Amino acid sequence: MVIITQYTGDQESMKYRKGIVLTARVHPGECGGSYMIKGVIDYLAGPTLIAKILRENFVFKIVPMLNSDGVINGNSRCSLSGVDLNRCWNEPNKILHPTIYYTKSVLFYLIQ
């Protein structure tokens, strides 16, 4: 996970910022997602005034590739274990679907 924000050293102020979670490549064959998420990361980390304002007001948590083992092995929809991770969001297994499990944990943490 990549975290992009403007850290001022004040932990208390960080608690009140809204969190934004972005993910890509839950299906390995979605190659365009990698280009899109790279563009988002480059923009948010860039020098523009809007990017600076976004960093000052939000915490971006970005998972650029939810299905890295499927990508590495050349699958089009499934992970290495043969599972379509997009179908596991309701009850992800910590061992079989770790990226979904931990991404969902981040979402629950941000809600609280």
PDB file of N, CA and C in Angstrom:
ATOM      1  N   MET A   1       0.846  -1.170   0.000  1.00  0.00           N
ATOM      2  CA  MET A   1       0.000   0.000   0.000  1.00  0.00           C
ATOM      3  C   MET A   1       0.891   1.232   0.000  1.00  0.00           C
ATOM      4  N   VAL A   2       0.498   2.201  -0.793  1.00  0.00           N
ATOM      5  CA  VAL A   2       1.166   3.495  -0.863  1.00  0.00           C
ATOM      6  C   VAL A   2       0.270   4.502  -0.150  1.00  0.00           C
ATOM      7  N   ILE A   3       0.847   5.277   0.741  1.00  0.00           N
ATOM      8  CA  ILE A   3       0.083   6.316   1.442  1.00  0.00           C
ATOM      9  C   ILE A   3       0.624   7.669   1.006  1.00  0.00           C
ATOM     10  N   ILE A   4      -0.302   8.521   0.558  1.00  0.00           N
ATOM     11  CA  ILE A   4       0.075   9.869   0.124  1.00  0.00           C
ATOM     12  C   ILE A   4      -0.743  10.871   0.925  1.00  0.00           C
ATOM     13  N   THR A   5      -0.056  11.768   1.603  1.00  0.00           N
ATOM     14  CA  THR A   5      -0.683  12.845   2.363  1.00  0.00           C
ATOM     15  C   THR A   5       0.386  13.867   2.691  1.00  0.00           C
ATOM     16  N   GLN A   6      -0.013  14.981   3.254  1.00  0.00           N
ATOM     17  CA  GLN A   6       0.941  15.971   3.744  1.00  0.00           C
ATOM     18  C   GLN A   6       1.036  15.780   5.244  1.00  0.00           C
ATOM     19  N   TYR A   7       2.167  15.288   5.709  1.00  0.00           N
ATOM     20  CA  TYR A   7       2.342  15.048   7.140  1.00  0.00           C
ATOM     21  C   TYR A   7       2.977  16.271   7.779  1.00  0.00           C
ATOM     22  N   THR A   8       2.293  16.829   8.771  1.00  0.00           N
ATOM     23  CA  THR A   8       2.775  18.040   9.430  1.00  0.00           C
ATOM     24  C   THR A   8       3.448  17.746  10.759  1.00  0.00           C
ATOM     25  N   GLY A   9       3.446  16.500  11.184  1.00  0.00           N
ATOM     26  CA  GLY A   9       4.016  16.145  12.474  1.00  0.00           C
ATOM     27  C   GLY A   9       2.991  16.174  13.592  1.00  0.00           C
ATOM     28  N   ASP A  10       1.784  16.629  13.292  1.00  0.00           N
ATOM     29  CA  ASP A  10       0.718  16.703  14.289  1.00  0.00           C
ATOM     30  C   ASP A  10      -0.214  15.508  14.127  1.00  0.00           C
ATOM     31  N   GLN A  11      -0.024  14.511  14.973  1.00  0.00           N
ATOM     32  CA  GLN A  11      -0.835  13.285  14.898  1.00  0.00           C
ATOM     33  C   GLN A  11      -2.319  13.575  15.100  1.00  0.00           C
ATOM     34  N   GLU A  12      -2.640  14.522  15.966  1.00  0.00           N
ATOM     35  CA  GLU A  12      -4.037  14.823  16.268  1.00  0.00           C
ATOM     36  C   GLU A  12      -4.786  15.326  15.035  1.00  0.00           C
ATOM     37  N   SER A  13      -4.158  16.192  14.259  1.00  0.00           N
ATOM     38  CA  SER A  13      -4.822  16.715  13.059  1.00  0.00           C
ATOM     39  C   SER A  13      -5.006  15.627  12.001  1.00  0.00           C
ATOM     40  N   MET A  14      -4.104  14.654  11.987  1.00  0.00           N
ATOM     41  CA  MET A  14      -4.214  13.554  11.014  1.00  0.00           C
ATOM     42  C   MET A  14      -5.471  12.718  11.264  1.00  0.00           C
ATOM     43  N   LYS A  15      -5.895  12.614  12.505  1.00  0.00           N
ATOM     44  CA  LYS A  15      -7.077  11.810  12.853  1.00  0.00           C
ATOM     45  C   LYS A  15      -8.343  12.321  12.176  1.00  0.00           C
ATOM     46  N   TYR A  16      -8.383  13.614  11.892  1.00  0.00           N
ATOM     47  CA  TYR A  16      -9.607  14.220  11.374  1.00  0.00           C
ATOM     48  C   TYR A  16      -9.647  14.338   9.857  1.00  0.00           C
ATOM     49  N   ARG A  17      -8.598  13.923   9.208  1.00  0.00           N
ATOM     50  CA  ARG A  17      -8.611  13.943   7.744  1.00  0.00           C
ATOM     51  C   ARG A  17      -9.418  12.771   7.217  1.00  0.00           C
ATOM     52  N   LYS A  18     -10.131  13.018   6.151  1.00  0.00           N
ATOM     53  CA  LYS A  18     -10.865  11.946   5.474  1.00  0.00           C
ATOM     54  C   LYS A  18      -9.872  11.052   4.747  1.00  0.00           C
ATOM     55  N   GLY A  19     -10.177   9.762   4.722  1.00  0.00           N
ATOM     56  CA  GLY A  19      -9.340   8.807   4.005  1.00  0.00           C
ATOM     57  C   GLY A  19      -9.982   8.442   2.673  1.00  0.00           C
ATOM     58  N   ILE A  20      -9.157   8.280   1.670  1.00  0.00           N
ATOM     59  CA  ILE A  20      -9.611   7.858   0.346  1.00  0.00           C
ATOM     60  C   ILE A  20      -8.802   6.625  -0.033  1.00  0.00           C
ATOM     61  N   VAL A  21      -9.486   5.535  -0.329  1.00  0.00           N
ATOM     62  CA  VAL A  21      -8.822   4.284  -0.702  1.00  0.00           C
ATOM     63  C   VAL A  21      -9.029   4.050  -2.195  1.00  0.00           C
ATOM     64  N   LEU A  22      -7.925   3.820  -2.903  1.00  0.00           N
ATOM     65  CA  LEU A  22      -7.964   3.523  -4.331  1.00  0.00           C
ATOM     66  C   LEU A  22      -7.274   2.183  -4.558  1.00  0.00           C
ATOM     67  N   THR A  23      -7.856   1.352  -5.402  1.00  0.00           N
ATOM     68  CA  THR A  23      -7.257   0.057  -5.727  1.00  0.00           C
ATOM     69  C   THR A  23      -7.270  -0.157  -7.232  1.00  0.00           C
ATOM     70  N   ALA A  24      -6.417  -1.070  -7.672  1.00  0.00           N
ATOM     71  CA  ALA A  24      -6.381  -1.434  -9.093  1.00  0.00           C
ATOM     72  C   ALA A  24      -5.966  -2.888  -9.227  1.00  0.00           C
ATOM     73  N   ARG A  25      -6.173  -3.427 -10.405  1.00  0.00           N
ATOM     74  CA  ARG A  25      -5.736  -4.760 -10.820  1.00  0.00           C
ATOM     75  C   ARG A  25      -6.263  -5.897  -9.946  1.00  0.00           C
ATOM     76  N   VAL A  26      -7.559  -5.859  -9.587  1.00  0.00           N
ATOM     77  CA  VAL A  26      -8.141  -7.025  -8.909  1.00  0.00           C
ATOM     78  C   VAL A  26      -8.224  -8.183  -9.896  1.00  0.00           C
ATOM     79  N   HIS A  27      -8.381  -7.869 -11.182  1.00  0.00           N
ATOM     80  CA  HIS A  27      -8.276  -8.863 -12.246  1.00  0.00           C
ATOM     81  C   HIS A  27      -6.941  -8.626 -12.947  1.00  0.00           C
ATOM     82  N   PRO A  28      -6.091  -9.637 -13.029  1.00  0.00           N
ATOM     83  CA  PRO A  28      -4.760  -9.453 -13.616  1.00  0.00           C
ATOM     84  C   PRO A  28      -4.772  -8.912 -15.043  1.00  0.00           C
ATOM     85  N   GLY A  29      -5.810  -9.219 -15.799  1.00  0.00           N
ATOM     86  CA  GLY A  29      -5.859  -8.787 -17.190  1.00  0.00           C
ATOM     87  C   GLY A  29      -6.229  -7.330 -17.380  1.00  0.00           C
ATOM     88  N   GLU A  30      -6.488  -6.605 -16.302  1.00  0.00           N
ATOM     89  CA  GLU A  30      -6.865  -5.200 -16.393  1.00  0.00           C
ATOM     90  C   GLU A  30      -5.616  -4.323 -16.437  1.00  0.00           C
ATOM     91  N   CYS A  31      -4.852  -4.465 -17.496  1.00  0.00           N
ATOM     92  CA  CYS A  31      -3.565  -3.760 -17.620  1.00  0.00           C
ATOM     93  C   CYS A  31      -3.719  -2.249 -17.563  1.00  0.00           C
ATOM     94  N   GLY A  32      -4.805  -1.745 -18.103  1.00  0.00           N
ATOM     95  CA  GLY A  32      -5.032  -0.308 -18.087  1.00  0.00           C
ATOM     96  C   GLY A  32      -5.088   0.265 -16.682  1.00  0.00           C
ATOM     97  N   GLY A  33      -5.492  -0.570 -15.721  1.00  0.00           N
ATOM     98  CA  GLY A  33      -5.543  -0.131 -14.330  1.00  0.00           C
ATOM     99  C   GLY A  33      -4.185   0.285 -13.793  1.00  0.00           C
ATOM    100  N   SER A  34      -3.131  -0.380 -14.234  1.00  0.00           N
ATOM    101  CA  SER A  34      -1.786  -0.015 -13.777  1.00  0.00           C
ATOM    102  C   SER A  34      -1.396   1.374 -14.274  1.00  0.00           C
ATOM    103  N   TYR A  35      -1.736   1.684 -15.522  1.00  0.00           N
ATOM    104  CA  TYR A  35      -1.435   3.011 -16.060  1.00  0.00           C
ATOM    105  C   TYR A  35      -2.260   4.083 -15.352  1.00  0.00           C
ATOM    106  N   MET A  36      -3.507   3.764 -15.082  1.00  0.00           N
ATOM    107  CA  MET A  36      -4.387   4.713 -14.425  1.00  0.00           C
ATOM    108  C   MET A  36      -3.891   5.013 -13.012  1.00  0.00           C
ATOM    109  N   ILE A  37      -3.578   3.974 -12.253  1.00  0.00           N
ATOM    110  CA  ILE A  37      -3.185   4.186 -10.859  1.00  0.00           C
ATOM    111  C   ILE A  37      -1.816   4.863 -10.777  1.00  0.00           C
ATOM    112  N   LYS A  38      -0.927   4.582 -11.737  1.00  0.00           N
ATOM    113  CA  LYS A  38       0.363   5.275 -11.780  1.00  0.00           C
ATOM    114  C   LYS A  38       0.150   6.761 -12.032  1.00  0.00           C
ATOM    115  N   GLY A  39      -0.772   7.081 -12.924  1.00  0.00           N
ATOM    116  CA  GLY A  39      -1.092   8.483 -13.184  1.00  0.00           C
ATOM    117  C   GLY A  39      -1.645   9.183 -11.948  1.00  0.00           C
ATOM    118  N   VAL A  40      -2.487   8.488 -11.204  1.00  0.00           N
ATOM    119  CA  VAL A  40      -3.045   9.053  -9.974  1.00  0.00           C
ATOM    120  C   VAL A  40      -1.935   9.304  -8.952  1.00  0.00           C
ATOM    121  N   ILE A  41      -1.052   8.318  -8.783  1.00  0.00           N
ATOM    122  CA  ILE A  41       0.058   8.463  -7.832  1.00  0.00           C
ATOM    123  C   ILE A  41       0.969   9.623  -8.252  1.00  0.00           C
ATOM    124  N   ASP A  42       1.319   9.669  -9.526  1.00  0.00           N
ATOM    125  CA  ASP A  42       2.178  10.749 -10.013  1.00  0.00           C
ATOM    126  C   ASP A  42       1.534  12.118  -9.787  1.00  0.00           C
ATOM    127  N   TYR A  43       0.220  12.213 -10.045  1.00  0.00           N
ATOM    128  CA  TYR A  43      -0.468  13.484  -9.870  1.00  0.00           C
ATOM    129  C   TYR A  43      -0.506  13.898  -8.403  1.00  0.00           C
ATOM    130  N   LEU A  44      -0.909  12.957  -7.525  1.00  0.00           N
ATOM    131  CA  LEU A  44      -1.030  13.283  -6.100  1.00  0.00           C
ATOM    132  C   LEU A  44       0.321  13.638  -5.469  1.00  0.00           C
ATOM    133  N   ALA A  45       1.391  13.028  -5.956  1.00  0.00           N
ATOM    134  CA  ALA A  45       2.729  13.299  -5.421  1.00  0.00           C
ATOM    135  C   ALA A  45       3.393  14.476  -6.132  1.00  0.00           C
ATOM    136  N   GLY A  46       2.723  15.029  -7.107  1.00  0.00           N
ATOM    137  CA  GLY A  46       3.304  16.078  -7.934  1.00  0.00           C
ATOM    138  C   GLY A  46       3.246  17.469  -7.318  1.00  0.00           C
ATOM    139  N   PRO A  47       3.758  18.450  -8.065  1.00  0.00           N
ATOM    140  CA  PRO A  47       3.939  19.806  -7.547  1.00  0.00           C
ATOM    141  C   PRO A  47       2.753  20.762  -7.726  1.00  0.00           C
ATOM    142  N   THR A  48       1.645  20.311  -8.327  1.00  0.00           N
ATOM    143  CA  THR A  48       0.552  21.247  -8.613  1.00  0.00           C
ATOM    144  C   THR A  48      -0.134  21.715  -7.332  1.00  0.00           C
ATOM    145  N   LEU A  49      -0.765  22.872  -7.419  1.00  0.00           N
ATOM    146  CA  LEU A  49      -1.479  23.433  -6.276  1.00  0.00           C
ATOM    147  C   LEU A  49      -2.633  22.517  -5.848  1.00  0.00           C
ATOM    148  N   ILE A  50      -3.351  21.983  -6.807  1.00  0.00           N
ATOM    149  CA  ILE A  50      -4.474  21.096  -6.473  1.00  0.00           C
ATOM    150  C   ILE A  50      -3.976  19.844  -5.753  1.00  0.00           C
ATOM    151  N   ALA A  51      -2.876  19.261  -6.223  1.00  0.00           N
ATOM    152  CA  ALA A  51      -2.307  18.083  -5.551  1.00  0.00           C
ATOM    153  C   ALA A  51      -1.904  18.427  -4.122  1.00  0.00           C
ATOM    154  N   LYS A  52      -1.322  19.608  -3.929  1.00  0.00           N
ATOM    155  CA  LYS A  52      -0.921  20.046  -2.590  1.00  0.00           C
ATOM    156  C   LYS A  52      -2.140  20.187  -1.685  1.00  0.00           C
ATOM    157  N   ILE A  53      -3.201  20.778  -2.192  1.00  0.00           N
ATOM    158  CA  ILE A  53      -4.434  20.939  -1.417  1.00  0.00           C
ATOM    159  C   ILE A  53      -5.019  19.572  -1.066  1.00  0.00           C
ATOM    160  N   LEU A  54      -5.022  18.647  -2.028  1.00  0.00           N
ATOM    161  CA  LEU A  54      -5.517  17.299  -1.765  1.00  0.00           C
ATOM    162  C   LEU A  54      -4.699  16.609  -0.678  1.00  0.00           C
ATOM    163  N   ARG A  55      -3.377  16.722  -0.749  1.00  0.00           N
ATOM    164  CA  ARG A  55      -2.509  16.107   0.260  1.00  0.00           C
ATOM    165  C   ARG A  55      -2.725  16.723   1.645  1.00  0.00           C
ATOM    166  N   GLU A  56      -3.024  18.015   1.699  1.00  0.00           N
ATOM    167  CA  GLU A  56      -3.230  18.690   2.979  1.00  0.00           C
ATOM    168  C   GLU A  56      -4.568  18.332   3.624  1.00  0.00           C
ATOM    169  N   ASN A  57      -5.525  17.862   2.825  1.00  0.00           N
ATOM    170  CA  ASN A  57      -6.872  17.630   3.341  1.00  0.00           C
ATOM    171  C   ASN A  57      -7.295  16.171   3.408  1.00  0.00           C
ATOM    172  N   PHE A  58      -6.552  15.279   2.762  1.00  0.00           N
ATOM    173  CA  PHE A  58      -6.940  13.878   2.715  1.00  0.00           C
ATOM    174  C   PHE A  58      -5.732  12.973   2.939  1.00  0.00           C
ATOM    175  N   VAL A  59      -6.025  11.743   3.319  1.00  0.00           N
ATOM    176  CA  VAL A  59      -5.016  10.687   3.368  1.00  0.00           C
ATOM    177  C   VAL A  59      -5.403   9.676   2.299  1.00  0.00           C
ATOM    178  N   PHE A  60      -4.567   9.539   1.282  1.00  0.00           N
ATOM    179  CA  PHE A  60      -4.825   8.593   0.199  1.00  0.00           C
ATOM    180  C   PHE A  60      -4.099   7.293   0.501  1.00  0.00           C
ATOM    181  N   LYS A  61      -4.834   6.209   0.537  1.00  0.00           N
ATOM    182  CA  LYS A  61      -4.252   4.877   0.721  1.00  0.00           C
ATOM    183  C   LYS A  61      -4.501   4.134  -0.587  1.00  0.00           C
ATOM    184  N   ILE A  62      -3.421   3.790  -1.262  1.00  0.00           N
ATOM    185  CA  ILE A  62      -3.519   3.249  -2.611  1.00  0.00           C
ATOM    186  C   ILE A  62      -2.913   1.858  -2.667  1.00  0.00           C
ATOM    187  N   VAL A  63      -3.705   0.904  -3.154  1.00  0.00           N
ATOM    188  CA  VAL A  63      -3.214  -0.452  -3.406  1.00  0.00           C
ATOM    189  C   VAL A  63      -3.142  -0.598  -4.921  1.00  0.00           C
ATOM    190  N   PRO A  64      -1.948  -0.434  -5.501  1.00  0.00           N
ATOM    191  CA  PRO A  64      -1.837  -0.402  -6.959  1.00  0.00           C
ATOM    192  C   PRO A  64      -2.107  -1.726  -7.651  1.00  0.00           C
ATOM    193  N   MET A  65      -1.984  -2.833  -6.919  1.00  0.00           N
ATOM    194  CA  MET A  65      -2.193  -4.132  -7.557  1.00  0.00           C
ATOM    195  C   MET A  65      -2.735  -5.121  -6.516  1.00  0.00           C
ATOM    196  N   LEU A  66      -4.026  -5.390  -6.583  1.00  0.00           N
ATOM    197  CA  LEU A  66      -4.651  -6.312  -5.634  1.00  0.00           C
ATOM    198  C   LEU A  66      -4.348  -7.777  -5.943  1.00  0.00           C
ATOM    199  N   ASN A  67      -3.973  -8.076  -7.170  1.00  0.00           N
ATOM    200  CA  ASN A  67      -3.789  -9.466  -7.576  1.00  0.00           C
ATOM    201  C   ASN A  67      -2.416  -9.651  -8.219  1.00  0.00           C
ATOM    202  N   SER A  68      -1.375  -9.356  -7.453  1.00  0.00           N
ATOM    203  CA  SER A  68      -0.020  -9.399  -8.016  1.00  0.00           C
ATOM    204  C   SER A  68       0.406 -10.804  -8.427  1.00  0.00           C
ATOM    205  N   ASP A  69       0.000 -11.831  -7.674  1.00  0.00           N
ATOM    206  CA  ASP A  69       0.402 -13.191  -8.079  1.00  0.00           C
ATOM    207  C   ASP A  69      -0.270 -13.603  -9.375  1.00  0.00           C
ATOM    208  N   GLY A  70      -1.502 -13.157  -9.594  1.00  0.00           N
ATOM    209  CA  GLY A  70      -2.169 -13.441 -10.855  1.00  0.00           C
ATOM    210  C   GLY A  70      -1.514 -12.720 -12.017  1.00  0.00           C
ATOM    211  N   VAL A  71      -1.061 -11.495 -11.793  1.00  0.00           N
ATOM    212  CA  VAL A  71      -0.374 -10.721 -12.831  1.00  0.00           C
ATOM    213  C   VAL A  71       0.948 -11.392 -13.190  1.00  0.00           C
ATOM    214  N   ILE A  72       1.726 -11.747 -12.181  1.00  0.00           N
ATOM    215  CA  ILE A  72       3.039 -12.362 -12.403  1.00  0.00           C
ATOM    216  C   ILE A  72       2.909 -13.664 -13.186  1.00  0.00           C
ATOM    217  N   ASN A  73       1.840 -14.416 -12.933  1.00  0.00           N
ATOM    218  CA  ASN A  73       1.655 -15.707 -13.593  1.00  0.00           C
ATOM    219  C   ASN A  73       0.869 -15.619 -14.897  1.00  0.00           C
ATOM    220  N   GLY A  74       0.477 -14.423 -15.304  1.00  0.00           N
ATOM    221  CA  GLY A  74      -0.186 -14.246 -16.591  1.00  0.00           C
ATOM    222  C   GLY A  74      -1.658 -14.631 -16.614  1.00  0.00           C
ATOM    223  N   ASN A  75      -2.286 -14.717 -15.458  1.00  0.00           N
ATOM    224  CA  ASN A  75      -3.721 -15.020 -15.424  1.00  0.00           C
ATOM    225  C   ASN A  75      -4.514 -13.810 -15.910  1.00  0.00           C
ATOM    226  N   SER A  76      -5.748 -14.055 -16.330  1.00  0.00           N
ATOM    227  CA  SER A  76      -6.556 -12.918 -16.772  1.00  0.00           C
ATOM    228  C   SER A  76      -7.576 -12.484 -15.725  1.00  0.00           C
ATOM    229  N   ARG A  77      -8.100 -13.426 -14.932  1.00  0.00           N
ATOM    230  CA  ARG A  77      -9.101 -13.068 -13.927  1.00  0.00           C
ATOM    231  C   ARG A  77      -8.777 -13.574 -12.528  1.00  0.00           C
ATOM    232  N   CYS A  78      -8.033 -14.634 -12.406  1.00  0.00           N
ATOM    233  CA  CYS A  78      -7.885 -15.315 -11.116  1.00  0.00           C
ATOM    234  C   CYS A  78      -6.518 -15.107 -10.483  1.00  0.00           C
ATOM    235  N   SER A  79      -6.489 -15.347  -9.186  1.00  0.00           N
ATOM    236  CA  SER A  79      -5.227 -15.332  -8.452  1.00  0.00           C
ATOM    237  C   SER A  79      -4.500 -16.652  -8.687  1.00  0.00           C
ATOM    238  N   LEU A  80      -3.345 -16.795  -8.085  1.00  0.00           N
ATOM    239  CA  LEU A  80      -2.577 -18.033  -8.215  1.00  0.00           C
ATOM    240  C   LEU A  80      -3.355 -19.236  -7.682  1.00  0.00           C
ATOM    241  N   SER A  81      -4.217 -19.008  -6.700  1.00  0.00           N
ATOM    242  CA  SER A  81      -5.026 -20.097  -6.140  1.00  0.00           C
ATOM    243  C   SER A  81      -6.276 -20.392  -6.976  1.00  0.00           C
ATOM    244  N   GLY A  82      -6.436 -19.713  -8.117  1.00  0.00           N
ATOM    245  CA  GLY A  82      -7.564 -19.982  -9.013  1.00  0.00           C
ATOM    246  C   GLY A  82      -8.861 -19.312  -8.601  1.00  0.00           C
ATOM    247  N   VAL A  83      -8.765 -18.267  -7.797  1.00  0.00           N
ATOM    248  CA  VAL A  83      -9.948 -17.580  -7.281  1.00  0.00           C
ATOM    249  C   VAL A  83     -10.064 -16.191  -7.916  1.00  0.00           C
ATOM    250  N   ASP A  84     -11.280 -15.828  -8.309  1.00  0.00           N
ATOM    251  CA  ASP A  84     -11.549 -14.468  -8.774  1.00  0.00           C
ATOM    252  C   ASP A  84     -11.695 -13.603  -7.528  1.00  0.00           C
ATOM    253  N   LEU A  85     -10.679 -12.805  -7.228  1.00  0.00           N
ATOM    254  CA  LEU A  85     -10.665 -12.021  -5.988  1.00  0.00           C
ATOM    255  C   LEU A  85     -11.793 -10.999  -5.914  1.00  0.00           C
ATOM    256  N   ASN A  86     -12.346 -10.626  -7.044  1.00  0.00           N
ATOM    257  CA  ASN A  86     -13.456  -9.681  -7.037  1.00  0.00           C
ATOM    258  C   ASN A  86     -14.721 -10.298  -6.454  1.00  0.00           C
ATOM    259  N   ARG A  87     -14.745 -11.603  -6.308  1.00  0.00           N
ATOM    260  CA  ARG A  87     -15.910 -12.307  -5.750  1.00  0.00           C
ATOM    261  C   ARG A  87     -15.726 -12.635  -4.267  1.00  0.00           C
ATOM    262  N   CYS A  88     -14.650 -12.149  -3.643  1.00  0.00           N
ATOM    263  CA  CYS A  88     -14.319 -12.517  -2.262  1.00  0.00           C
ATOM    264  C   CYS A  88     -14.506 -11.391  -1.253  1.00  0.00           C
ATOM    265  N   TRP A  89     -15.048 -10.267  -1.668  1.00  0.00           N
ATOM    266  CA  TRP A  89     -15.133  -9.121  -0.769  1.00  0.00           C
ATOM    267  C   TRP A  89     -16.048  -9.352   0.424  1.00  0.00           C
ATOM    268  N   ASN A  90     -17.105 -10.165   0.278  1.00  0.00           N
ATOM    269  CA  ASN A  90     -18.020 -10.386   1.402  1.00  0.00           C
ATOM    270  C   ASN A  90     -17.340 -11.088   2.571  1.00  0.00           C
ATOM    271  N   GLU A  91     -16.593 -12.142   2.284  1.00  0.00           N
ATOM    272  CA  GLU A  91     -15.924 -12.906   3.336  1.00  0.00           C
ATOM    273  C   GLU A  91     -14.533 -13.335   2.883  1.00  0.00           C
ATOM    274  N   PRO A  92     -13.591 -12.400   2.796  1.00  0.00           N
ATOM    275  CA  PRO A  92     -12.249 -12.777   2.350  1.00  0.00           C
ATOM    276  C   PRO A  92     -11.527 -13.630   3.386  1.00  0.00           C
ATOM    277  N   ASN A  93     -10.774 -14.598   2.908  1.00  0.00           N
ATOM    278  CA  ASN A  93      -9.988 -15.473   3.766  1.00  0.00           C
ATOM    279  C   ASN A  93      -8.585 -14.890   3.890  1.00  0.00           C
ATOM    280  N   LYS A  94      -8.099 -14.811   5.115  1.00  0.00           N
ATOM    281  CA  LYS A  94      -6.792 -14.204   5.388  1.00  0.00           C
ATOM    282  C   LYS A  94      -5.660 -14.908   4.640  1.00  0.00           C
ATOM    283  N   ILE A  95      -5.777 -16.219   4.441  1.00  0.00           N
ATOM    284  CA  ILE A  95      -4.734 -17.010   3.780  1.00  0.00           C
ATOM    285  C   ILE A  95      -4.929 -17.039   2.265  1.00  0.00           C
ATOM    286  N   LEU A  96      -6.151 -17.282   1.798  1.00  0.00           N
ATOM    287  CA  LEU A  96      -6.404 -17.438   0.366  1.00  0.00           C
ATOM    288  C   LEU A  96      -6.550 -16.112  -0.388  1.00  0.00           C
ATOM    289  N   HIS A  97      -7.007 -15.073   0.313  1.00  0.00           N
ATOM    290  CA  HIS A  97      -7.264 -13.781  -0.339  1.00  0.00           C
ATOM    291  C   HIS A  97      -6.664 -12.648   0.499  1.00  0.00           C
ATOM    292  N   PRO A  98      -5.367 -12.680   0.780  1.00  0.00           N
ATOM    293  CA  PRO A  98      -4.784 -11.714   1.721  1.00  0.00           C
ATOM    294  C   PRO A  98      -4.915 -10.248   1.291  1.00  0.00           C
ATOM    295  N   THR A  99      -4.788  -9.968   0.013  1.00  0.00           N
ATOM    296  CA  THR A  99      -4.864  -8.561  -0.394  1.00  0.00           C
ATOM    297  C   THR A  99      -6.272  -8.001  -0.197  1.00  0.00           C
ATOM    298  N   ILE A 100      -7.279  -8.809  -0.461  1.00  0.00           N
ATOM    299  CA  ILE A 100      -8.662  -8.371  -0.240  1.00  0.00           C
ATOM    300  C   ILE A 100      -8.929  -8.257   1.263  1.00  0.00           C
ATOM    301  N   TYR A 101      -8.484  -9.245   2.020  1.00  0.00           N
ATOM    302  CA  TYR A 101      -8.688  -9.264   3.470  1.00  0.00           C
ATOM    303  C   TYR A 101      -8.103  -8.007   4.120  1.00  0.00           C
ATOM    304  N   TYR A 102      -6.851  -7.682   3.787  1.00  0.00           N
ATOM    305  CA  TYR A 102      -6.199  -6.541   4.427  1.00  0.00           C
ATOM    306  C   TYR A 102      -6.682  -5.204   3.872  1.00  0.00           C
ATOM    307  N   THR A 103      -7.053  -5.152   2.611  1.00  0.00           N
ATOM    308  CA  THR A 103      -7.629  -3.925   2.067  1.00  0.00           C
ATOM    309  C   THR A 103      -8.969  -3.642   2.737  1.00  0.00           C
ATOM    310  N   LYS A 104      -9.747  -4.682   2.940  1.00  0.00           N
ATOM    311  CA  LYS A 104     -11.028  -4.529   3.629  1.00  0.00           C
ATOM    312  C   LYS A 104     -10.801  -4.093   5.083  1.00  0.00           C
ATOM    313  N   SER A 105      -9.747  -4.586   5.708  1.00  0.00           N
ATOM    314  CA  SER A 105      -9.399  -4.168   7.072  1.00  0.00           C
ATOM    315  C   SER A 105      -9.078  -2.680   7.125  1.00  0.00           C
ATOM    316  N   VAL A 106      -8.368  -2.191   6.109  1.00  0.00           N
ATOM    317  CA  VAL A 106      -8.050  -0.760   6.028  1.00  0.00           C
ATOM    318  C   VAL A 106      -9.339   0.051   5.902  1.00  0.00           C
ATOM    319  N   LEU A 107     -10.273  -0.431   5.086  1.00  0.00           N
ATOM    320  CA  LEU A 107     -11.546   0.273   4.925  1.00  0.00           C
ATOM    321  C   LEU A 107     -12.304   0.360   6.250  1.00  0.00           C
ATOM    322  N   PHE A 108     -12.370  -0.751   6.985  1.00  0.00           N
ATOM    323  CA  PHE A 108     -13.046  -0.752   8.288  1.00  0.00           C
ATOM    324  C   PHE A 108     -12.350   0.180   9.275  1.00  0.00           C
ATOM    325  N   TYR A 109     -11.013   0.206   9.234  1.00  0.00           N
ATOM    326  CA  TYR A 109     -10.253   1.093  10.109  1.00  0.00           C
ATOM    327  C   TYR A 109     -10.582   2.551   9.816  1.00  0.00           C
ATOM    328  N   LEU A 110     -10.657   2.906   8.534  1.00  0.00           N
ATOM    329  CA  LEU A 110     -10.966   4.286   8.156  1.00  0.00           C
ATOM    330  C   LEU A 110     -12.383   4.674   8.554  1.00  0.00           C
ATOM    331  N   ILE A 111     -13.305   3.725   8.482  1.00  0.00           N
ATOM    332  CA  ILE A 111     -14.698   4.021   8.870  1.00  0.00           C
ATOM    333  C   ILE A 111     -14.774   4.357  10.357  1.00  0.00           C
ATOM    334  N   GLN A 112     -13.983   3.659  11.157  1.00  0.00           N
ATOM    335  CA  GLN A 112     -14.011   3.917  12.599  1.00  0.00           C
ATOM    336  C   GLN A 112     -13.305   5.205  12.909  1.00  0.00           C
TER     337      GLN A 112
END
